Protein backbone atom coordinates (compact mmCIF):
# COMPACT_ATOMS: atom_id res chain seq x y z
CA MET A 1 -30.60 12.49 -15.18
CA ASP A 2 -30.19 12.67 -11.41
CA ILE A 3 -26.97 10.94 -10.41
CA MET A 4 -28.52 10.02 -7.08
CA SER A 5 -30.96 7.75 -8.91
CA PHE A 6 -28.05 5.32 -9.19
CA PHE A 7 -27.60 5.39 -5.43
CA PRO A 8 -31.08 4.87 -3.97
CA ILE A 9 -29.62 3.64 -0.66
CA LEU A 10 -26.72 6.04 -0.25
CA THR A 11 -27.23 9.63 0.81
CA LEU A 12 -25.57 12.57 -0.89
CA LEU A 13 -23.21 12.84 2.07
CA ASP A 14 -22.26 9.18 1.63
CA VAL A 15 -21.40 9.77 -2.01
CA VAL A 16 -19.32 12.85 -1.13
CA ALA A 17 -17.47 10.95 1.59
CA LEU A 18 -16.83 8.04 -0.78
CA ALA A 19 -15.54 10.38 -3.50
CA LEU A 20 -13.28 12.10 -0.98
CA LEU A 21 -11.88 8.73 0.08
CA VAL A 22 -11.03 7.71 -3.48
CA ILE A 23 -9.50 11.10 -4.32
CA CYS A 24 -7.36 11.06 -1.18
CA TRP A 25 -6.26 7.47 -1.83
CA LEU A 26 -5.11 8.32 -5.34
CA GLY A 27 -3.77 11.73 -4.36
CA ILE A 28 -1.57 10.65 -1.47
CA GLY A 29 -0.12 7.89 -3.62
CA LEU A 30 0.74 10.38 -6.36
CA LEU A 31 2.26 12.78 -3.83
CA ILE A 32 4.42 10.09 -2.25
CA GLU A 33 5.69 8.64 -5.51
CA HIS A 34 6.09 11.98 -7.33
CA PRO A 35 6.73 14.60 -4.63
CA GLY A 36 9.01 16.85 -6.63
CA GLY A 37 12.62 17.65 -5.89
CA ARG A 38 12.25 20.09 -2.99
CA ARG A 39 10.91 17.63 -0.39
CA PRO A 40 11.39 13.98 -1.41
CA SER A 41 9.45 11.28 0.39
CA VAL A 42 11.01 8.34 2.22
CA THR A 43 9.98 6.17 -0.72
CA ILE A 44 12.03 8.30 -3.13
CA LEU A 45 14.98 8.52 -0.76
CA MET A 46 15.05 4.76 -0.24
CA ALA A 47 14.88 4.22 -4.00
CA GLU A 48 18.30 5.84 -4.30
CA TYR A 49 19.66 3.59 -1.56
CA ARG A 50 18.32 0.57 -3.42
CA ARG A 51 20.28 1.66 -6.48
CA GLU A 52 23.34 2.18 -4.27
CA TRP A 53 22.82 -1.34 -2.88
CA MET A 54 23.10 -2.82 -6.35
CA ARG A 55 26.19 -0.77 -7.10
CA GLU A 56 27.78 -2.15 -3.93
CA LEU A 57 26.76 -5.62 -5.06
CA LEU A 58 29.27 -5.32 -7.87
CA THR A 59 32.14 -5.02 -5.40
CA ARG A 60 31.29 -8.13 -3.37
CA ASP A 61 32.66 -11.51 -4.31
CA VAL A 62 30.33 -13.31 -1.88
CA ARG A 63 26.72 -12.17 -2.20
CA ILE A 64 24.99 -14.31 0.41
CA PHE A 65 24.33 -11.17 2.46
CA ASP A 66 22.45 -9.58 -0.44
CA SER A 67 20.39 -12.69 -1.07
CA GLN A 68 19.41 -12.85 2.61
CA ILE A 69 18.21 -9.25 2.56
CA LEU A 70 16.13 -9.89 -0.54
CA ALA A 71 14.71 -13.08 0.97
CA SER A 72 13.59 -11.11 4.04
CA LEU A 73 11.87 -8.56 1.78
CA ARG A 74 10.02 -11.36 -0.03
CA GLN A 75 8.95 -12.84 3.29
CA GLY A 76 7.42 -9.50 4.22
CA THR A 77 5.37 -9.38 1.04
CA SER A 78 4.26 -12.99 1.55
CA PHE A 79 3.16 -12.26 5.11
CA PHE A 80 1.06 -9.26 4.15
CA ALA A 81 -0.42 -11.05 1.14
CA SER A 82 -1.52 -13.93 3.39
CA THR A 83 -2.92 -11.48 5.94
CA CYS A 84 -4.93 -9.65 3.26
CA LEU A 85 -6.30 -12.91 1.91
CA LEU A 86 -7.52 -13.93 5.35
CA ALA A 87 -8.99 -10.49 5.93
CA VAL A 88 -10.83 -10.56 2.60
CA GLY A 89 -12.29 -13.92 3.51
CA GLY A 90 -13.45 -12.58 6.86
CA VAL A 91 -15.06 -9.50 5.32
CA LEU A 92 -16.82 -11.57 2.64
CA ALA A 93 -18.12 -13.90 5.34
CA LEU A 94 -19.45 -10.88 7.23
CA ILE A 95 -21.10 -9.59 4.05
CA GLY A 96 -22.94 -12.88 3.79
CA ASN A 97 -24.15 -12.59 7.38
CA THR A 98 -24.47 -9.01 8.57
CA ASP A 99 -26.71 -9.77 11.54
CA PRO A 100 -23.93 -9.53 14.17
CA LEU A 101 -22.70 -6.28 12.62
CA GLU A 102 -26.15 -4.73 12.43
CA ASP A 103 -26.71 -5.01 16.17
CA VAL A 104 -23.38 -3.34 16.96
CA ALA A 105 -23.65 -0.62 14.30
CA GLU A 106 -27.26 0.25 15.13
CA GLY A 107 -26.30 0.57 18.78
CA LEU A 108 -23.61 3.09 17.84
CA THR A 109 -25.47 5.04 15.14
CA HIS A 110 -29.01 4.67 16.52
CA THR A 111 -30.34 4.16 12.99
CA ASP A 112 -32.04 1.26 11.29
CA SER A 113 -30.29 0.79 7.93
CA PRO A 114 -31.05 -1.86 5.29
CA VAL A 115 -28.82 -4.90 5.00
CA LEU A 116 -27.72 -3.88 1.51
CA LEU A 117 -26.21 -0.68 2.88
CA TRP A 118 -24.03 -2.61 5.32
CA GLN A 119 -22.98 -4.91 2.51
CA ILE A 120 -22.00 -1.97 0.30
CA LYS A 121 -19.91 -0.48 3.09
CA LEU A 122 -18.19 -3.77 3.78
CA MET A 123 -17.59 -4.28 0.07
CA LEU A 124 -15.51 -1.09 0.07
CA VAL A 125 -13.27 -2.62 2.73
CA ALA A 126 -13.03 -5.84 0.72
CA LEU A 127 -12.05 -3.91 -2.43
CA PHE A 128 -9.20 -2.10 -0.67
CA LEU A 129 -7.98 -5.37 0.84
CA THR A 130 -8.18 -7.11 -2.53
CA HIS A 131 -6.17 -4.32 -4.14
CA ALA A 132 -3.60 -4.63 -1.37
CA PHE A 133 -3.40 -8.40 -1.87
CA LEU A 134 -2.78 -8.03 -5.59
CA LYS A 135 -0.06 -5.44 -4.99
CA PHE A 136 1.69 -7.63 -2.41
CA VAL A 137 1.60 -10.64 -4.74
CA TRP A 138 3.01 -8.57 -7.60
CA ALA A 139 5.69 -7.09 -5.35
CA ASN A 140 6.68 -10.59 -4.29
CA ARG A 141 7.00 -11.66 -7.90
CA ILE A 142 9.08 -8.62 -8.88
CA PHE A 143 11.39 -9.30 -5.93
CA GLY A 144 11.77 -12.74 -7.48
CA TYR A 145 12.73 -11.16 -10.79
CA CYS A 146 15.21 -9.01 -8.91
CA SER A 147 16.81 -12.03 -7.24
CA VAL A 148 17.28 -13.72 -10.63
CA MET A 149 18.79 -10.55 -12.07
CA MET A 150 21.14 -10.25 -9.08
CA ALA A 151 22.27 -13.82 -9.65
CA ALA A 152 22.96 -12.95 -13.30
CA VAL A 153 25.33 -10.11 -12.37
CA PRO A 154 28.87 -11.32 -13.28
CA LEU A 155 31.35 -11.60 -10.43
CA ASP A 156 33.87 -9.62 -12.43
CA PRO A 157 32.91 -5.93 -12.05
CA LYS A 158 34.83 -5.17 -15.25
CA ASN A 159 32.50 -7.37 -17.27
CA PRO A 160 30.54 -5.08 -19.63
CA LYS A 161 27.26 -6.68 -18.53
CA ALA A 162 27.90 -6.34 -14.80
CA ALA A 163 26.94 -2.69 -14.30
CA THR A 164 23.95 -2.93 -16.63
CA ARG A 165 22.49 -5.95 -14.89
CA ALA A 166 23.13 -4.48 -11.47
CA SER A 167 21.25 -1.36 -12.55
CA MET A 168 18.39 -3.48 -13.86
CA ALA A 169 18.26 -5.36 -10.56
CA GLY A 170 18.10 -2.04 -8.73
CA GLU A 171 15.18 -0.80 -10.80
CA LEU A 172 13.31 -4.07 -10.28
CA ASN A 173 13.94 -3.74 -6.56
CA ILE A 174 12.46 -0.26 -6.61
CA ARG A 175 9.37 -1.34 -8.55
CA ALA A 176 8.78 -4.16 -6.10
CA ALA A 177 9.11 -1.78 -3.16
CA TRP A 178 6.69 0.69 -4.71
CA ASN A 179 4.07 -2.02 -5.20
CA PHE A 180 4.63 -3.16 -1.63
CA ASN A 181 4.06 0.40 -0.41
CA ARG A 182 0.90 0.67 -2.52
CA GLY A 183 -0.39 -2.45 -0.85
CA LEU A 184 0.31 -0.98 2.57
CA ARG A 185 -1.52 2.23 1.68
CA SER A 186 -4.55 0.22 0.58
CA MET A 187 -4.50 -1.59 3.92
CA TYR A 188 -4.47 1.74 5.74
CA PHE A 189 -7.46 2.94 3.72
CA ALA A 190 -9.24 -0.38 4.26
CA LEU A 191 -9.00 0.22 8.01
CA GLY A 192 -10.12 3.82 7.56
CA SER A 193 -13.10 2.81 5.43
CA LEU A 194 -14.45 0.78 8.36
CA ALA A 195 -15.49 4.12 9.81
CA TRP A 196 -18.19 4.28 7.12
CA LEU A 197 -20.13 1.80 9.22
CA LEU A 198 -20.67 4.66 11.65
CA GLY A 199 -21.69 7.13 8.95
CA ALA A 200 -20.41 9.47 6.26
CA VAL A 201 -18.91 12.05 8.63
CA PRO A 202 -16.83 9.44 10.51
CA LEU A 203 -15.60 8.20 7.11
CA MET A 204 -14.44 11.71 6.21
CA VAL A 205 -12.66 12.04 9.55
CA ALA A 206 -11.02 8.64 9.16
CA THR A 207 -9.94 9.52 5.62
CA GLY A 208 -8.27 12.67 6.88
CA ALA A 209 -6.56 10.73 9.66
CA VAL A 210 -5.21 8.12 7.23
CA VAL A 211 -3.92 10.79 4.85
CA TRP A 212 -2.21 12.64 7.70
CA LEU A 213 -0.66 9.39 8.96
CA LEU A 214 0.69 8.45 5.54
CA TRP A 215 1.95 11.97 4.85
CA SER A 216 3.69 12.29 8.21
CA ARG A 217 5.46 8.95 7.83
CA GLU A 218 6.71 9.83 4.38
CA PHE A 219 7.56 13.51 4.86
CA ALA A 220 7.86 14.28 8.59
CA SER A 221 8.93 11.09 10.36
CA SER A 222 12.03 10.42 12.42
CA ALA A 223 12.93 7.68 9.93
CA ARG A 224 13.07 10.28 7.17
CA LYS A 225 15.37 12.47 9.26
CA ILE A 226 17.70 9.53 9.78
CA VAL A 227 17.77 8.76 6.06
CA LEU A 228 18.50 12.40 5.27
CA THR A 229 21.54 12.52 7.58
CA ASP A 230 23.57 10.86 4.81
CA GLU A 231 22.40 13.33 2.17
CA PRO A 232 24.86 16.09 1.13
């Protein structure tokens, strides 16, 4: 059976570009979260600092400073979740009325494409934004778990439960941060997938640009160099 029979509107190049996008989205996430020991990503480096943060928590009698930091992290997840929700609503509204988009896209591509094709391309953007929204919401909730666990850490560092709960709070903090980063990556790819409106080749170029941007920020950024200055 010809696989293209399932895609009567999409061309072979569209399917290849779409497959490349999905592979790169999954691949860059795997590389960032599991880079190996030789060249850790910023995400991995910051995970160790989050554990160190919770170890320092044990030494502080007053932990208002820690709660303020965590509150600011939760505010960030809430902001991006709200932004994604608004963006999803806008994209879905555009899917329901593609007339304004058709005029602009046809002027750029000089092709007359069916409405369903524009809707499929916009649906890809909506899917990435929806995934990002779900990740931000989950990150916000895990940060909430972390705040409760931090509050449950005994003030006495010699308490047998203190170190264990601080470690648990650190791991929850890391999981929340990873989900937050996954949401950000989906937002990047949502923006990149807009290039599909111009055609399959622009989508491939945009995918490559997004991958390079994410890779450089995790493995070759000035922020990473600063973080590494404290490494032995």
